[in-house]
Protein backbone atom coordinates (compact mmCIF):
# COMPACT_ATOMS: atom_id res chain seq x y z
CA MET A 1 14.30 -15.04 -1.39
CA GLY A 2 17.21 -17.40 -1.34
CA ARG A 3 20.71 -18.01 -0.13
CA ARG A 4 24.07 -19.12 -1.48
CA ARG A 5 27.65 -19.70 -0.31
CA TYR A 6 30.73 -18.36 -2.02
CA ARG A 7 34.30 -19.52 -1.66
CA SER A 8 37.48 -17.54 -2.10
CA GLN A 9 40.85 -19.01 -2.96
CA PRO A 10 43.35 -17.70 -0.40
CA GLY A 11 46.38 -18.61 -2.51
CA ARG A 12 48.26 -21.61 -3.79
CA VAL A 13 50.03 -23.87 -1.34
CA ARG A 14 52.56 -26.62 -1.88
CA PRO A 15 51.02 -30.12 -1.74
CA SER A 16 51.92 -32.14 1.34
CA ARG A 17 51.66 -35.85 2.05
CA LYS A 18 51.04 -35.22 5.72
CA ARG A 19 47.50 -35.48 6.96
CA PRO A 20 46.25 -31.96 7.78
CA ARG A 21 45.34 -31.23 11.38
CA ASP A 22 41.86 -30.10 12.31
CA THR A 23 42.46 -26.52 13.41
CA GLY A 24 38.84 -25.46 13.13
CA ARG A 25 39.72 -23.12 10.27
CA SER A 26 38.70 -23.47 6.64
CA ALA A 27 41.08 -23.33 3.69
CA PHE A 28 38.57 -21.07 1.95
CA VAL A 29 36.85 -17.91 3.07
CA GLN A 30 33.15 -18.83 3.14
CA VAL A 31 30.37 -16.31 2.78
CA ARG A 32 26.64 -16.79 3.23
CA MET A 33 24.32 -14.59 1.21
CA ALA A 34 20.57 -14.01 1.47
CA ALA A 35 19.00 -12.23 -1.48
CA LEU A 36 15.73 -10.62 -2.42
CA VAL A 37 15.18 -11.15 -6.14
CA GLU A 38 12.46 -9.88 -8.45
CA VAL A 39 11.02 -12.89 -10.27
CA GLY A 40 10.01 -11.11 -13.47
CA SER A 41 13.29 -9.31 -14.20
CA HIS A 42 15.79 -11.50 -12.24
CA ALA A 43 17.12 -8.29 -10.68
CA VAL A 44 18.65 -8.60 -7.21
CA LEU A 45 16.81 -5.94 -5.21
CA ASP A 46 18.74 -6.40 -1.98
CA ALA A 47 21.23 -8.77 -0.39
CA GLU A 48 22.88 -9.45 2.94
CA LEU A 49 26.35 -10.98 3.24
CA ALA A 50 28.08 -12.43 6.28
CA GLY A 51 30.36 -15.23 7.39
CA CYS A 52 29.06 -18.78 7.24
CA ARG A 53 28.47 -18.76 11.01
CA THR A 54 25.70 -16.18 10.64
CA GLY A 55 22.35 -17.93 10.21
CA GLU A 56 20.19 -17.54 7.13
CA VAL A 57 17.18 -16.39 9.15
CA THR A 58 19.30 -13.60 10.63
CA LEU A 59 20.32 -12.40 7.17
CA VAL A 60 16.80 -12.62 5.76
CA GLY A 61 15.55 -10.64 8.76
CA ARG A 62 17.40 -7.60 7.37
CA LEU A 63 15.68 -7.71 3.96
CA PRO A 64 12.26 -6.27 4.87
CA ARG A 65 13.88 -2.83 4.49
CA SER A 66 13.46 -3.31 0.71
CA CYS A 67 9.82 -4.47 0.79
CA GLY A 68 6.61 -2.50 0.67
CA PRO A 69 2.97 -2.35 -0.44
CA GLY A 70 2.12 -4.09 -3.70
CA GLN A 71 4.84 -6.71 -3.37
CA LEU A 72 4.32 -10.45 -2.90
CA VAL A 73 7.29 -12.09 -1.16
CA LEU A 74 7.87 -15.79 -1.86
CA ALA A 75 10.06 -17.86 0.44
CA ASP A 76 11.01 -21.47 1.13
CA ARG A 77 9.92 -23.45 4.20
CA GLU A 78 13.13 -22.77 6.13
CA PHE A 79 12.07 -19.19 6.84
CA LEU A 80 8.58 -19.65 8.25
CA GLY A 81 8.43 -18.15 11.73
CA VAL A 82 6.27 -15.55 13.42
CA PRO A 83 9.00 -12.92 14.06
CA LEU A 84 10.20 -13.03 10.44
CA TRP A 85 6.63 -13.16 9.10
CA ARG A 86 5.71 -10.06 11.08
CA ALA A 87 8.87 -8.26 10.03
CA PHE A 88 7.79 -8.56 6.40
CA THR A 89 4.05 -7.95 6.85
CA THR A 90 4.81 -4.79 8.83
CA THR A 91 6.05 -3.32 5.54
CA ARG A 92 2.55 -4.02 4.11
CA ALA A 93 3.97 -6.52 1.65
CA ASP A 94 2.03 -9.77 1.15
CA LEU A 95 3.62 -13.17 1.75
CA LEU A 96 3.39 -16.64 0.21
CA TRP A 97 5.72 -19.05 1.99
CA ARG A 98 6.11 -22.80 2.02
CA VAL A 99 5.38 -24.71 5.23
CA PRO A 100 7.64 -27.38 6.84
CA ALA A 101 6.17 -30.88 6.60
CA ASN A 102 5.88 -31.24 10.39
CA ARG A 103 4.03 -27.95 10.94
CA VAL A 104 0.49 -28.44 12.31
CA LEU A 105 -2.03 -26.00 10.83
CA PRO A 106 -5.56 -26.70 12.14
CA VAL A 107 -8.45 -26.36 9.69
CA ARG A 108 -10.80 -23.72 11.06
CA LYS A 109 -13.04 -23.66 7.99
CA LEU A 110 -12.65 -25.26 4.57
CA LEU A 111 -13.05 -22.71 1.78
CA ARG A 112 -14.41 -23.36 -1.71
CA ASP A 113 -11.01 -23.46 -3.37
CA GLY A 114 -9.74 -26.06 -0.87
CA SER A 115 -7.71 -23.62 1.22
CA TRP A 116 -8.47 -22.88 4.85
CA PRO A 117 -7.84 -20.14 7.43
CA SER A 118 -5.51 -21.06 10.28
CA ARG A 119 -3.10 -19.55 12.79
CA ILE A 120 0.61 -19.75 13.47
CA HIS A 121 2.27 -19.00 16.79
CA ALA A 122 5.77 -18.06 17.85
CA GLY A 123 7.80 -20.68 19.69
CA THR A 124 7.85 -18.39 22.72
CA ASP A 125 4.04 -18.07 22.73
CA SER A 126 3.33 -21.26 24.68
CA ALA A 127 -0.07 -19.96 25.78
CA LYS A 128 -0.99 -19.20 22.16
CA ARG A 129 -2.30 -15.76 22.99
CA ASP A 130 -0.70 -13.83 20.13
CA PRO A 131 -1.49 -15.69 16.89
CA VAL A 132 -0.89 -14.66 13.30
CA GLU A 133 -3.81 -15.19 10.93
CA VAL A 134 -2.85 -17.03 7.72
CA ARG A 135 -4.49 -18.95 4.91
CA VAL A 136 -3.23 -22.43 4.08
CA LEU A 137 -2.98 -23.99 0.60
CA SER A 138 -2.35 -27.69 0.12
CA TYR A 139 -1.70 -29.36 -3.26
CA GLN A 140 0.41 -31.94 -5.11
CA LEU A 141 2.77 -31.67 -8.05
CA LYS A 142 2.82 -34.80 -10.17
CA ASP A 143 6.07 -36.30 -11.36
CA THR A 144 6.63 -34.96 -14.87
CA GLY A 145 9.02 -37.82 -15.63
CA GLY A 146 6.18 -40.29 -16.12
CA GLY A 147 6.28 -41.80 -12.64
CA ALA A 148 3.37 -42.11 -10.26
CA ALA A 149 5.03 -40.20 -7.41
CA ALA A 150 3.79 -36.75 -6.44
CA ASP A 151 5.24 -34.07 -4.15
CA ASP A 152 3.04 -32.63 -1.43
CA TYR A 153 3.16 -28.87 -0.96
CA ARG A 154 1.66 -26.65 1.72
CA LEU A 155 1.83 -22.87 1.57
CA VAL A 156 0.70 -20.14 3.93
CA THR A 157 -0.20 -16.69 2.74
CA SER A 158 -1.23 -13.34 4.14
CA LEU A 159 -3.76 -13.06 1.28
CA LEU A 160 -6.81 -14.19 3.24
CA ASP A 161 -9.50 -13.49 0.62
CA ALA A 162 -9.95 -16.72 -1.36
CA ARG A 163 -12.22 -15.06 -3.93
CA ARG A 164 -9.70 -12.41 -4.92
CA HIS A 165 -6.72 -14.76 -4.65
CA PRO A 166 -7.73 -18.35 -5.58
CA ALA A 167 -5.54 -21.17 -4.33
CA ARG A 168 -4.85 -22.50 -7.82
CA GLN A 169 -3.41 -19.18 -8.95
CA LEU A 170 -1.24 -18.81 -5.85
CA ALA A 171 0.08 -22.38 -6.22
CA ALA A 172 1.03 -21.67 -9.84
CA LEU A 173 2.66 -18.41 -8.79
CA TYR A 174 4.75 -20.02 -6.04
CA HIS A 175 6.45 -22.17 -8.66
CA GLU A 176 8.12 -18.97 -9.91
CA ARG A 177 10.15 -18.84 -6.68
CA TRP A 178 12.62 -21.25 -8.23
CA GLU A 179 13.63 -18.52 -10.67
CA ILE A 180 16.05 -17.40 -7.97
CA GLU A 181 18.15 -20.50 -8.67
CA SER A 182 18.60 -19.24 -12.22
CA VAL A 183 19.79 -15.91 -10.84
CA PHE A 184 22.43 -17.63 -8.70
CA ALA A 185 23.54 -19.62 -11.74
CA GLU A 186 23.83 -16.43 -13.80
CA ILE A 187 26.07 -14.81 -11.20
CA LYS A 188 28.19 -17.77 -10.11
CA THR A 189 28.49 -19.81 -13.30
CA GLN A 190 28.00 -17.51 -16.27
CA GLN A 191 29.16 -14.13 -15.01
CA ARG A 192 31.92 -15.18 -12.62
CA GLY A 193 32.87 -18.37 -14.48
CA ALA A 194 32.19 -22.01 -13.64
CA ARG A 195 35.70 -22.77 -12.35
CA VAL A 196 36.73 -19.30 -11.28
CA VAL A 197 37.12 -18.60 -7.58
CA LEU A 198 37.25 -15.21 -5.91
CA SER A 199 40.84 -14.03 -5.79
CA SER A 200 40.71 -11.91 -2.64
CA LYS A 201 42.57 -13.28 0.37
CA THR A 202 40.76 -11.28 3.05
CA PRO A 203 37.12 -11.31 4.21
CA ASP A 204 36.66 -7.64 3.29
CA GLY A 205 38.09 -8.25 -0.15
CA VAL A 206 35.75 -11.19 -0.72
CA LEU A 207 32.74 -9.11 0.26
CA GLN A 208 33.87 -6.35 -2.08
CA GLN A 209 34.14 -8.79 -4.99
CA ILE A 210 30.72 -10.30 -4.35
CA TRP A 211 29.12 -6.86 -4.20
CA ALA A 212 30.85 -6.00 -7.47
CA HIS A 213 29.35 -9.11 -9.09
CA LEU A 214 25.91 -8.20 -7.74
CA LEU A 215 26.16 -4.66 -9.10
CA VAL A 216 27.27 -5.86 -12.54
CA HIS A 217 24.47 -8.42 -12.61
CA HIS A 218 21.92 -5.75 -11.68
CA ALA A 219 23.21 -3.47 -14.44
CA LEU A 220 22.97 -6.26 -17.01
CA ARG A 221 19.45 -7.16 -15.93
CA GLU A 222 18.42 -3.49 -16.08
CA LEU A 223 19.78 -3.33 -19.63
CA MET A 224 17.86 -6.47 -20.57
CA LEU A 225 14.65 -5.09 -19.07
CA ARG A 226 14.93 -1.83 -21.01
CA THR A 227 15.75 -3.65 -24.23
CA ALA A 228 12.77 -5.97 -23.82
CA ALA A 229 10.49 -3.00 -23.11
CA THR A 230 11.50 -1.17 -26.29
CA ARG A 231 10.73 -4.30 -28.32
CA GLN A 232 7.60 -5.17 -26.31
CA LEU A 233 8.99 -8.54 -25.29
CA ASP A 234 8.84 -10.57 -22.09
CA PRO A 235 12.18 -10.09 -20.24
CA ASP A 236 12.41 -13.89 -19.98
CA ARG A 237 12.85 -13.99 -23.76
CA ALA A 238 16.12 -12.06 -23.53
CA SER A 239 19.34 -14.06 -23.19
CA PHE A 240 21.53 -13.28 -20.20
CA THR A 241 24.51 -15.03 -21.83
CA GLU A 242 24.27 -12.94 -24.99
CA THR A 243 23.87 -9.74 -22.99
CA LEU A 244 26.92 -10.62 -20.92
CA ARG A 245 29.00 -11.32 -24.03
CA SER A 246 27.88 -8.07 -25.63
CA ALA A 247 28.80 -6.10 -22.51
CA ARG A 248 32.23 -7.73 -22.36
CA ARG A 249 32.89 -6.90 -26.01
CA SER A 250 31.90 -3.26 -25.50
CA VAL A 251 34.25 -2.98 -22.53
CA THR A 252 37.26 -4.69 -24.11
CA VAL A 253 36.93 -3.25 -27.62
CA THR A 254 36.10 0.36 -26.81
CA LEU A 255 38.79 1.68 -24.46
CA GLY A 256 37.60 3.95 -21.69
CA SER A 257 33.95 2.96 -22.12
CA PHE A 258 33.78 1.41 -18.68
CA SER A 259 34.81 3.28 -15.56
CA PRO A 260 37.22 1.40 -13.26
């Protein structure tokens, strides 16, 4: 899961030498988006859009509708909380989320792989009577640039069986979460254009344009997945840029091949 902001250009205005007054209003329509993305295919499975005043946790709280058994949901440390955790686990999906640095997770028993069972509580559960059972993984990533520094990581997971789900494998898997940044880059930089802003001048129009971009991106990723399957290739080996260029040529060269 991840989030991004989009800006829309409301129109050109004549430059002024006067210092603008703080009216509490932005010159751009700002949109916050939370997305559920499949790591292997880069397909956006679901998304929630709202104004920038709507919190990210609120948006992510609407995404469990697209989760279910057999899925492993990865998320950054900003989203760890009992209500959101339970919203996702209720769907019978498994979770692997990063933990904030200041979160205290007592060691109840140290397991062979270095992980340990622990509990998390909601902020409203001051008596700690309604805990959530989790398993904690702690590890370091060394600086690949040749330096001596290392980043400390802690993850919590709903996969409590350390024999079936070793900590080393889960730590390696969590690294794939950053694939979502590539998805945002594909949509905002390659598909939309690096210096292209959304042209709509109304909030509804902005939302419509963003959904259009998401639908086009999903269609392109579906095409890439099918192409890779016919050639027995990993979808990561397919080029999004080349697929996008090919799709644009087919639309512009063959009239009527793409429905408006």
